[in-house]
Amino acid sequence: MWSASDAHTPRVSERRALWLLRLAGSAVLVIFLLSAMVAPRAPVRENTPGFRNPVVAFELSSRPEHVFGIIGRPGSAERGIVAVRMRIATWIDFLFLLAYPCIYVGIALLLAAHGRISRGMAWVLMALPAVMVVGDALENRELLRLMQEVDPSQMTPQLGRLRIFTLMKWYAVYAASALVTVPVWRETDWWRWSSGFFALAALLGLAAIVHLPAIEWSVVPLSIAWTMTYVHALRR
């Protein structure tokens, strides 16, 4: 990732990091808006207890009745546009999962260029996005399978795998957010204030261990932190 010449050209490394953040941020923005237009805004009957967003509720469902409450029972009249929207949104998420992890790669490169983190820490921060991609992709696979399943008795192992892959994705995000908090705070411009939102997201992830809906609460501070990072990269 770093060549011998790059070690003597921090400005070149900084420019590469900023370009990656601009591209990743632009992709996240476009894909998010597209997904927001397509994804269902409400469940057929009810969300997984404690959740408000049907997409997040579906990702963290643990019982067949949770799935049926969100997208409806197979073959029923109620199962229609919500299930179609959820399927399209899941396919769109395969694009999103390639975009948002790059924000953390860009942050790692930028902090390394500024001398805020060690090389080892930079590699850790670039390994965690790979975990995000794998976890998110496997999560989406299970979601698509659940949307096709008609037998509740066959859904239990799928829901078990879904929970593992979903938490794998989210906790990679929380770990990366926690690790960048202090180095970002050491920055000398206004971007340093995004560290508070990264920290809040990580703390909510910790709270989710005892109260799972805290994962949904973390979406807002994460979105703010990513937006501040994107704007920072554009202004630089």
C-alpha atoms as a PDB file:
ATOM      1  CA  MET A   1       0.000   0.000   0.000  1.00  0.00           C
ATOM      2  CA  TRP A   2       2.890   2.349   0.771  1.00  0.00           C
ATOM      3  CA  SER A   3       5.898   2.412  -1.514  1.00  0.00           C
ATOM      4  CA  ALA A   4       9.293   3.784  -0.578  1.00  0.00           C
ATOM      5  CA  SER A   5       8.616   6.906  -2.608  1.00  0.00           C
ATOM      6  CA  ASP A   6       5.265   7.455  -0.892  1.00  0.00           C
ATOM      7  CA  ALA A   7       7.044   7.626   2.446  1.00  0.00           C
ATOM      8  CA  HIS A   8       8.706  10.837   1.239  1.00  0.00           C
ATOM      9  CA  THR A   9       5.616  12.301  -0.424  1.00  0.00           C
ATOM     10  CA  PRO A  10       2.888  12.687   2.183  1.00  0.00           C
ATOM     11  CA  ARG A  11       1.095  15.179  -0.059  1.00  0.00           C
ATOM     12  CA  VAL A  12       0.732  12.505  -2.747  1.00  0.00           C
ATOM     13  CA  SER A  13      -0.632  10.051  -0.173  1.00  0.00           C
ATOM     14  CA  GLU A  14      -3.000  12.705   1.138  1.00  0.00           C
ATOM     15  CA  ARG A  15      -4.322  13.454  -2.349  1.00  0.00           C
ATOM     16  CA  ARG A  16      -4.943   9.750  -3.001  1.00  0.00           C
ATOM     17  CA  ALA A  17      -6.816   9.423   0.282  1.00  0.00           C
ATOM     18  CA  LEU A  18      -8.942  12.484  -0.456  1.00  0.00           C
ATOM     19  CA  TRP A  19      -9.810  11.250  -3.936  1.00  0.00           C
ATOM     20  CA  LEU A  20     -10.859   7.894  -2.508  1.00  0.00           C
ATOM     21  CA  LEU A  21     -13.032   9.628   0.103  1.00  0.00           C
ATOM     22  CA  ARG A  22     -14.630  11.803  -2.569  1.00  0.00           C
ATOM     23  CA  LEU A  23     -15.406   8.822  -4.785  1.00  0.00           C
ATOM     24  CA  ALA A  24     -16.632   6.657  -1.919  1.00  0.00           C
ATOM     25  CA  GLY A  25     -18.701   9.474  -0.423  1.00  0.00           C
ATOM     26  CA  SER A  26     -20.297  10.275  -3.777  1.00  0.00           C
ATOM     27  CA  ALA A  27     -21.122   6.616  -4.358  1.00  0.00           C
ATOM     28  CA  VAL A  28     -22.595   6.242  -0.859  1.00  0.00           C
ATOM     29  CA  LEU A  29     -24.751   9.334  -1.372  1.00  0.00           C
ATOM     30  CA  VAL A  30     -26.117   8.241  -4.764  1.00  0.00           C
ATOM     31  CA  ILE A  31     -26.742   4.626  -3.726  1.00  0.00           C
ATOM     32  CA  PHE A  32     -28.331   5.705  -0.440  1.00  0.00           C
ATOM     33  CA  LEU A  33     -30.774   8.004  -2.239  1.00  0.00           C
ATOM     34  CA  LEU A  34     -31.599   5.266  -4.736  1.00  0.00           C
ATOM     35  CA  SER A  35     -32.165   2.751  -1.961  1.00  0.00           C
ATOM     36  CA  ALA A  36     -34.290   5.223   0.018  1.00  0.00           C
ATOM     37  CA  MET A  37     -36.587   5.633  -2.990  1.00  0.00           C
ATOM     38  CA  VAL A  38     -36.966   1.872  -3.454  1.00  0.00           C
ATOM     39  CA  ALA A  39     -36.887   0.368   0.059  1.00  0.00           C
ATOM     40  CA  PRO A  40     -40.200  -0.148   1.890  1.00  0.00           C
ATOM     41  CA  ARG A  41     -41.029   2.559   4.427  1.00  0.00           C
ATOM     42  CA  ALA A  42     -43.298   0.389   6.549  1.00  0.00           C
ATOM     43  CA  PRO A  43     -43.787  -3.340   7.193  1.00  0.00           C
ATOM     44  CA  VAL A  44     -46.823  -5.274   6.005  1.00  0.00           C
ATOM     45  CA  ARG A  45     -47.981  -5.744   9.605  1.00  0.00           C
ATOM     46  CA  GLU A  46     -45.203  -5.115  12.135  1.00  0.00           C
ATOM     47  CA  ASN A  47     -41.444  -4.783  12.455  1.00  0.00           C
ATOM     48  CA  THR A  48     -39.121  -6.894  14.561  1.00  0.00           C
ATOM     49  CA  PRO A  49     -39.805  -5.680  18.148  1.00  0.00           C
ATOM     50  CA  GLY A  50     -37.871  -2.524  19.015  1.00  0.00           C
ATOM     51  CA  PHE A  51     -37.152  -1.482  15.423  1.00  0.00           C
ATOM     52  CA  ARG A  52     -38.758   1.231  13.284  1.00  0.00           C
ATOM     53  CA  ASN A  53     -37.010   0.830   9.924  1.00  0.00           C
ATOM     54  CA  PRO A  54     -38.286  -2.303   8.117  1.00  0.00           C
ATOM     55  CA  VAL A  55     -34.965  -2.871   6.324  1.00  0.00           C
ATOM     56  CA  VAL A  56     -32.927  -2.866   9.548  1.00  0.00           C
ATOM     57  CA  ALA A  57     -35.692  -4.860  11.245  1.00  0.00           C
ATOM     58  CA  PHE A  58     -35.474  -7.486   8.498  1.00  0.00           C
ATOM     59  CA  GLU A  59     -31.691  -7.701   8.815  1.00  0.00           C
ATOM     60  CA  LEU A  60     -32.024  -8.349  12.549  1.00  0.00           C
ATOM     61  CA  SER A  61     -35.075 -10.589  12.547  1.00  0.00           C
ATOM     62  CA  SER A  62     -34.640 -13.798  14.502  1.00  0.00           C
ATOM     63  CA  ARG A  63     -37.978 -15.622  14.085  1.00  0.00           C
ATOM     64  CA  PRO A  64     -40.091 -16.571  11.073  1.00  0.00           C
ATOM     65  CA  GLU A  65     -42.920 -14.396  12.405  1.00  0.00           C
ATOM     66  CA  HIS A  66     -40.596 -11.405  12.268  1.00  0.00           C
ATOM     67  CA  VAL A  67     -39.985 -12.034   8.574  1.00  0.00           C
ATOM     68  CA  PHE A  68     -43.684 -12.572   7.856  1.00  0.00           C
ATOM     69  CA  GLY A  69     -44.598  -9.470   9.845  1.00  0.00           C
ATOM     70  CA  ILE A  70     -42.325  -7.353   7.659  1.00  0.00           C
ATOM     71  CA  ILE A  71     -42.869  -8.741   4.144  1.00  0.00           C
ATOM     72  CA  GLY A  72     -46.030 -10.845   4.607  1.00  0.00           C
ATOM     73  CA  ARG A  73     -46.674 -14.571   4.417  1.00  0.00           C
ATOM     74  CA  PRO A  74     -45.896 -16.391   1.150  1.00  0.00           C
ATOM     75  CA  GLY A  75     -48.950 -16.662  -1.100  1.00  0.00           C
ATOM     76  CA  SER A  76     -50.997 -14.190   0.939  1.00  0.00           C
ATOM     77  CA  ALA A  77     -52.642 -11.080  -0.515  1.00  0.00           C
ATOM     78  CA  GLU A  78     -50.680  -8.850   1.855  1.00  0.00           C
ATOM     79  CA  ARG A  79     -47.348 -10.002   0.435  1.00  0.00           C
ATOM     80  CA  GLY A  80     -46.807  -7.819  -2.577  1.00  0.00           C
ATOM     81  CA  ILE A  81     -45.112  -4.490  -3.127  1.00  0.00           C
ATOM     82  CA  VAL A  82     -43.291  -4.584   0.231  1.00  0.00           C
ATOM     83  CA  ALA A  83     -41.576  -7.882  -0.641  1.00  0.00           C
ATOM     84  CA  VAL A  84     -40.722  -6.612  -4.123  1.00  0.00           C
ATOM     85  CA  ARG A  85     -39.286  -3.389  -2.730  1.00  0.00           C
ATOM     86  CA  MET A  86     -37.286  -5.295  -0.129  1.00  0.00           C
ATOM     87  CA  ARG A  87     -35.828  -7.588  -2.778  1.00  0.00           C
ATOM     88  CA  ILE A  88     -34.780  -4.661  -4.997  1.00  0.00           C
ATOM     89  CA  ALA A  89     -33.305  -2.793  -2.024  1.00  0.00           C
ATOM     90  CA  THR A  90     -31.283  -5.886  -1.102  1.00  0.00           C
ATOM     91  CA  TRP A  91     -29.822  -6.114  -4.590  1.00  0.00           C
ATOM     92  CA  ILE A  92     -28.979  -2.402  -4.484  1.00  0.00           C
ATOM     93  CA  ASP A  93     -27.187  -3.040  -1.199  1.00  0.00           C
ATOM     94  CA  PHE A  94     -24.636  -5.150  -3.072  1.00  0.00           C
ATOM     95  CA  LEU A  95     -23.449  -1.829  -4.541  1.00  0.00           C
ATOM     96  CA  PHE A  96     -23.648  -0.017  -1.206  1.00  0.00           C
ATOM     97  CA  LEU A  97     -21.490  -2.642   0.511  1.00  0.00           C
ATOM     98  CA  LEU A  98     -18.682  -1.863  -1.918  1.00  0.00           C
ATOM     99  CA  ALA A  99     -18.910   1.883  -1.273  1.00  0.00           C
ATOM    100  CA  TYR A 100     -19.188   2.602   2.459  1.00  0.00           C
ATOM    101  CA  PRO A 101     -16.217   0.425   3.545  1.00  0.00           C
ATOM    102  CA  CYS A 102     -14.034   2.547   1.262  1.00  0.00           C
ATOM    103  CA  ILE A 103     -14.768   5.512   3.522  1.00  0.00           C
ATOM    104  CA  TYR A 104     -12.829   3.776   6.279  1.00  0.00           C
ATOM    105  CA  VAL A 105     -10.014   2.851   3.888  1.00  0.00           C
ATOM    106  CA  GLY A 106      -9.822   6.509   2.835  1.00  0.00           C
ATOM    107  CA  ILE A 107      -9.800   7.663   6.459  1.00  0.00           C
ATOM    108  CA  ALA A 108      -6.995   5.216   7.253  1.00  0.00           C
ATOM    109  CA  LEU A 109      -4.925   6.475   4.322  1.00  0.00           C
ATOM    110  CA  LEU A 110      -5.564  10.094   5.226  1.00  0.00           C
ATOM    111  CA  LEU A 111      -4.674   9.641   8.883  1.00  0.00           C
ATOM    112  CA  ALA A 112      -1.535   7.719   7.886  1.00  0.00           C
ATOM    113  CA  ALA A 113      -0.533  10.529   5.512  1.00  0.00           C
ATOM    114  CA  HIS A 114      -0.932  13.004   8.371  1.00  0.00           C
ATOM    115  CA  GLY A 115       1.116  10.829  10.720  1.00  0.00           C
ATOM    116  CA  ARG A 116      -1.829  10.282  13.079  1.00  0.00           C
ATOM    117  CA  ILE A 117      -1.669   6.473  13.083  1.00  0.00           C
ATOM    118  CA  SER A 118       1.010   3.825  12.776  1.00  0.00           C
ATOM    119  CA  ARG A 119       1.357   1.608   9.752  1.00  0.00           C
ATOM    120  CA  GLY A 120       0.042  -1.341  11.758  1.00  0.00           C
ATOM    121  CA  MET A 121      -3.063   0.582  12.773  1.00  0.00           C
ATOM    122  CA  ALA A 122      -3.586   1.634   9.155  1.00  0.00           C
ATOM    123  CA  TRP A 123      -3.546  -2.007   8.074  1.00  0.00           C
ATOM    124  CA  VAL A 124      -6.077  -2.907  10.764  1.00  0.00           C
ATOM    125  CA  LEU A 125      -8.340  -0.074   9.601  1.00  0.00           C
ATOM    126  CA  MET A 126      -8.076  -1.355   6.036  1.00  0.00           C
ATOM    127  CA  ALA A 127      -8.720  -4.967   7.043  1.00  0.00           C
ATOM    128  CA  LEU A 128     -11.965  -4.154   8.865  1.00  0.00           C
ATOM    129  CA  PRO A 129     -13.649  -2.873   5.665  1.00  0.00           C
ATOM    130  CA  ALA A 130     -12.987  -6.277   4.110  1.00  0.00           C
ATOM    131  CA  VAL A 131     -14.906  -7.831   7.017  1.00  0.00           C
ATOM    132  CA  MET A 132     -17.732  -5.347   6.363  1.00  0.00           C
ATOM    133  CA  VAL A 133     -17.919  -6.359   2.703  1.00  0.00           C
ATOM    134  CA  VAL A 134     -17.909 -10.095   3.397  1.00  0.00           C
ATOM    135  CA  GLY A 135     -20.403  -9.848   6.249  1.00  0.00           C
ATOM    136  CA  ASP A 136     -22.762  -7.599   4.292  1.00  0.00           C
ATOM    137  CA  ALA A 137     -22.624  -9.780   1.175  1.00  0.00           C
ATOM    138  CA  LEU A 138     -23.366 -12.956   3.154  1.00  0.00           C
ATOM    139  CA  GLU A 139     -26.147 -11.126   4.999  1.00  0.00           C
ATOM    140  CA  ASN A 140     -27.745 -10.148   1.695  1.00  0.00           C
ATOM    141  CA  ARG A 141     -27.535 -13.726   0.479  1.00  0.00           C
ATOM    142  CA  GLU A 142     -29.486 -14.906   3.508  1.00  0.00           C
ATOM    143  CA  LEU A 143     -32.049 -12.124   3.125  1.00  0.00           C
ATOM    144  CA  LEU A 144     -32.724 -13.111  -0.480  1.00  0.00           C
ATOM    145  CA  ARG A 145     -33.100 -16.756   0.547  1.00  0.00           C
ATOM    146  CA  LEU A 146     -35.515 -15.837   3.342  1.00  0.00           C
ATOM    147  CA  MET A 147     -37.658 -13.916   0.868  1.00  0.00           C
ATOM    148  CA  GLN A 148     -38.031 -17.098  -1.183  1.00  0.00           C
ATOM    149  CA  GLU A 149     -38.615 -19.493   1.738  1.00  0.00           C
ATOM    150  CA  VAL A 150     -42.192 -20.652   2.293  1.00  0.00           C
ATOM    151  CA  ASP A 151     -41.659 -23.181   5.090  1.00  0.00           C
ATOM    152  CA  PRO A 152     -41.155 -21.547   8.529  1.00  0.00           C
ATOM    153  CA  SER A 153     -39.411 -24.672   9.839  1.00  0.00           C
ATOM    154  CA  GLN A 154     -36.663 -24.204   7.252  1.00  0.00           C
ATOM    155  CA  MET A 155     -36.049 -20.591   8.223  1.00  0.00           C
ATOM    156  CA  THR A 156     -34.433 -21.179  11.626  1.00  0.00           C
ATOM    157  CA  PRO A 157     -30.912 -22.040  10.358  1.00  0.00           C
ATOM    158  CA  GLN A 158     -31.112 -19.229   7.793  1.00  0.00           C
ATOM    159  CA  LEU A 159     -32.058 -16.744  10.502  1.00  0.00           C
ATOM    160  CA  GLY A 160     -29.164 -18.002  12.634  1.00  0.00           C
ATOM    161  CA  ARG A 161     -26.704 -17.386   9.815  1.00  0.00           C
ATOM    162  CA  LEU A 162     -28.311 -14.021   9.094  1.00  0.00           C
ATOM    163  CA  ARG A 163     -27.742 -12.878  12.668  1.00  0.00           C
ATOM    164  CA  ILE A 164     -24.067 -13.903  12.550  1.00  0.00           C
ATOM    165  CA  PHE A 165     -23.358 -12.152   9.244  1.00  0.00           C
ATOM    166  CA  THR A 166     -25.322  -9.023  10.177  1.00  0.00           C
ATOM    167  CA  LEU A 167     -23.474  -8.616  13.476  1.00  0.00           C
ATOM    168  CA  MET A 168     -20.202  -9.357  11.705  1.00  0.00           C
ATOM    169  CA  LYS A 169     -20.849  -6.393   9.413  1.00  0.00           C
ATOM    170  CA  TRP A 170     -22.051  -4.000  12.115  1.00  0.00           C
ATOM    171  CA  TYR A 171     -19.305  -4.756  14.620  1.00  0.00           C
ATOM    172  CA  ALA A 172     -16.626  -4.284  11.963  1.00  0.00           C
ATOM    173  CA  VAL A 173     -18.154  -0.830  11.401  1.00  0.00           C
ATOM    174  CA  TYR A 174     -18.190  -0.118  15.132  1.00  0.00           C
ATOM    175  CA  ALA A 175     -14.619  -1.321  15.609  1.00  0.00           C
ATOM    176  CA  ALA A 176     -13.366   0.873  12.760  1.00  0.00           C
ATOM    177  CA  SER A 177     -15.355   3.831  14.091  1.00  0.00           C
ATOM    178  CA  ALA A 178     -13.882   3.366  17.565  1.00  0.00           C
ATOM    179  CA  LEU A 179     -10.333   3.103  16.225  1.00  0.00           C
ATOM    180  CA  VAL A 180     -10.522   6.329  14.204  1.00  0.00           C
ATOM    181  CA  THR A 181     -12.062   8.381  17.025  1.00  0.00           C
ATOM    182  CA  VAL A 182      -8.867   9.539  18.740  1.00  0.00           C
ATOM    183  CA  PRO A 183      -6.743  10.015  15.563  1.00  0.00           C
ATOM    184  CA  VAL A 184      -9.509  12.068  13.930  1.00  0.00           C
ATOM    185  CA  TRP A 185      -9.798  14.182  17.088  1.00  0.00           C
ATOM    186  CA  ARG A 186      -6.093  14.999  16.729  1.00  0.00           C
ATOM    187  CA  GLU A 187      -6.701  16.579  13.327  1.00  0.00           C
ATOM    188  CA  THR A 188      -6.255  20.364  13.264  1.00  0.00           C
ATOM    189  CA  ASP A 189      -9.330  21.441  11.310  1.00  0.00           C
ATOM    190  CA  TRP A 190     -13.111  21.232  11.801  1.00  0.00           C
ATOM    191  CA  TRP A 191     -13.199  17.565  10.690  1.00  0.00           C
ATOM    192  CA  ARG A 192     -11.974  16.664  14.182  1.00  0.00           C
ATOM    193  CA  TRP A 193     -15.522  17.171  15.477  1.00  0.00           C
ATOM    194  CA  SER A 194     -16.706  14.135  13.508  1.00  0.00           C
ATOM    195  CA  SER A 195     -14.797  12.042  16.046  1.00  0.00           C
ATOM    196  CA  GLY A 196     -17.655  12.542  18.511  1.00  0.00           C
ATOM    197  CA  PHE A 197     -20.119  10.954  16.101  1.00  0.00           C
ATOM    198  CA  PHE A 198     -17.773   8.052  15.349  1.00  0.00           C
ATOM    199  CA  ALA A 199     -17.427   7.532  19.105  1.00  0.00           C
ATOM    200  CA  LEU A 200     -21.194   7.716  19.681  1.00  0.00           C
ATOM    201  CA  ALA A 201     -21.812   5.109  16.970  1.00  0.00           C
ATOM    202  CA  ALA A 202     -19.249   2.797  18.555  1.00  0.00           C
ATOM    203  CA  LEU A 203     -20.823   3.259  22.007  1.00  0.00           C
ATOM    204  CA  LEU A 204     -24.271   2.456  20.631  1.00  0.00           C
ATOM    205  CA  GLY A 205     -22.791  -0.658  19.070  1.00  0.00           C
ATOM    206  CA  LEU A 206     -21.550  -1.626  22.527  1.00  0.00           C
ATOM    207  CA  ALA A 207     -25.027  -0.947  23.941  1.00  0.00           C
ATOM    208  CA  ALA A 208     -26.494  -3.259  21.277  1.00  0.00           C
ATOM    209  CA  ILE A 209     -24.926  -6.208  23.079  1.00  0.00           C
ATOM    210  CA  VAL A 210     -27.650  -5.858  25.717  1.00  0.00           C
ATOM    211  CA  HIS A 211     -30.279  -3.992  23.657  1.00  0.00           C
ATOM    212  CA  LEU A 212     -30.190  -4.947  19.979  1.00  0.00           C
ATOM    213  CA  PRO A 213     -32.257  -1.973  18.659  1.00  0.00           C
ATOM    214  CA  ALA A 214     -29.318   0.288  19.587  1.00  0.00           C
ATOM    215  CA  ILE A 215     -27.906  -0.821  16.221  1.00  0.00           C
ATOM    216  CA  GLU A 216     -30.663   1.143  14.509  1.00  0.00           C
ATOM    217  CA  TRP A 217     -29.929   4.168  16.723  1.00  0.00           C
ATOM    218  CA  SER A 218     -26.306   4.145  15.532  1.00  0.00           C
ATOM    219  CA  VAL A 219     -27.322   4.844  11.927  1.00  0.00           C
ATOM    220  CA  VAL A 220     -27.779   8.587  12.560  1.00  0.00           C
ATOM    221  CA  PRO A 221     -24.375   9.331  14.160  1.00  0.00           C
ATOM    222  CA  LEU A 222     -22.679   7.137  11.556  1.00  0.00           C
ATOM    223  CA  SER A 223     -24.394   9.049   8.754  1.00  0.00           C
ATOM    224  CA  ILE A 224     -23.306  12.365  10.278  1.00  0.00           C
ATOM    225  CA  ALA A 225     -19.709  11.189  10.708  1.00  0.00           C
ATOM    226  CA  TRP A 226     -19.532   9.900   7.124  1.00  0.00           C
ATOM    227  CA  THR A 227     -21.101  13.103   5.769  1.00  0.00           C
ATOM    228  CA  MET A 228     -18.642  15.298   7.658  1.00  0.00           C
ATOM    229  CA  THR A 229     -15.780  13.176   6.309  1.00  0.00           C
ATOM    230  CA  TYR A 230     -17.115  13.462   2.763  1.00  0.00           C
ATOM    231  CA  VAL A 231     -17.541  17.241   2.984  1.00  0.00           C
ATOM    232  CA  HIS A 232     -14.067  17.540   4.482  1.00  0.00           C
ATOM    233  CA  ALA A 233     -12.596  15.632   1.522  1.00  0.00           C
ATOM    234  CA  LEU A 234     -14.485  17.813  -0.965  1.00  0.00           C
ATOM    235  CA  ARG A 235     -13.337  21.054   0.648  1.00  0.00           C
ATOM    236  CA  ARG A 236      -9.711  19.959   0.767  1.00  0.00           C
END
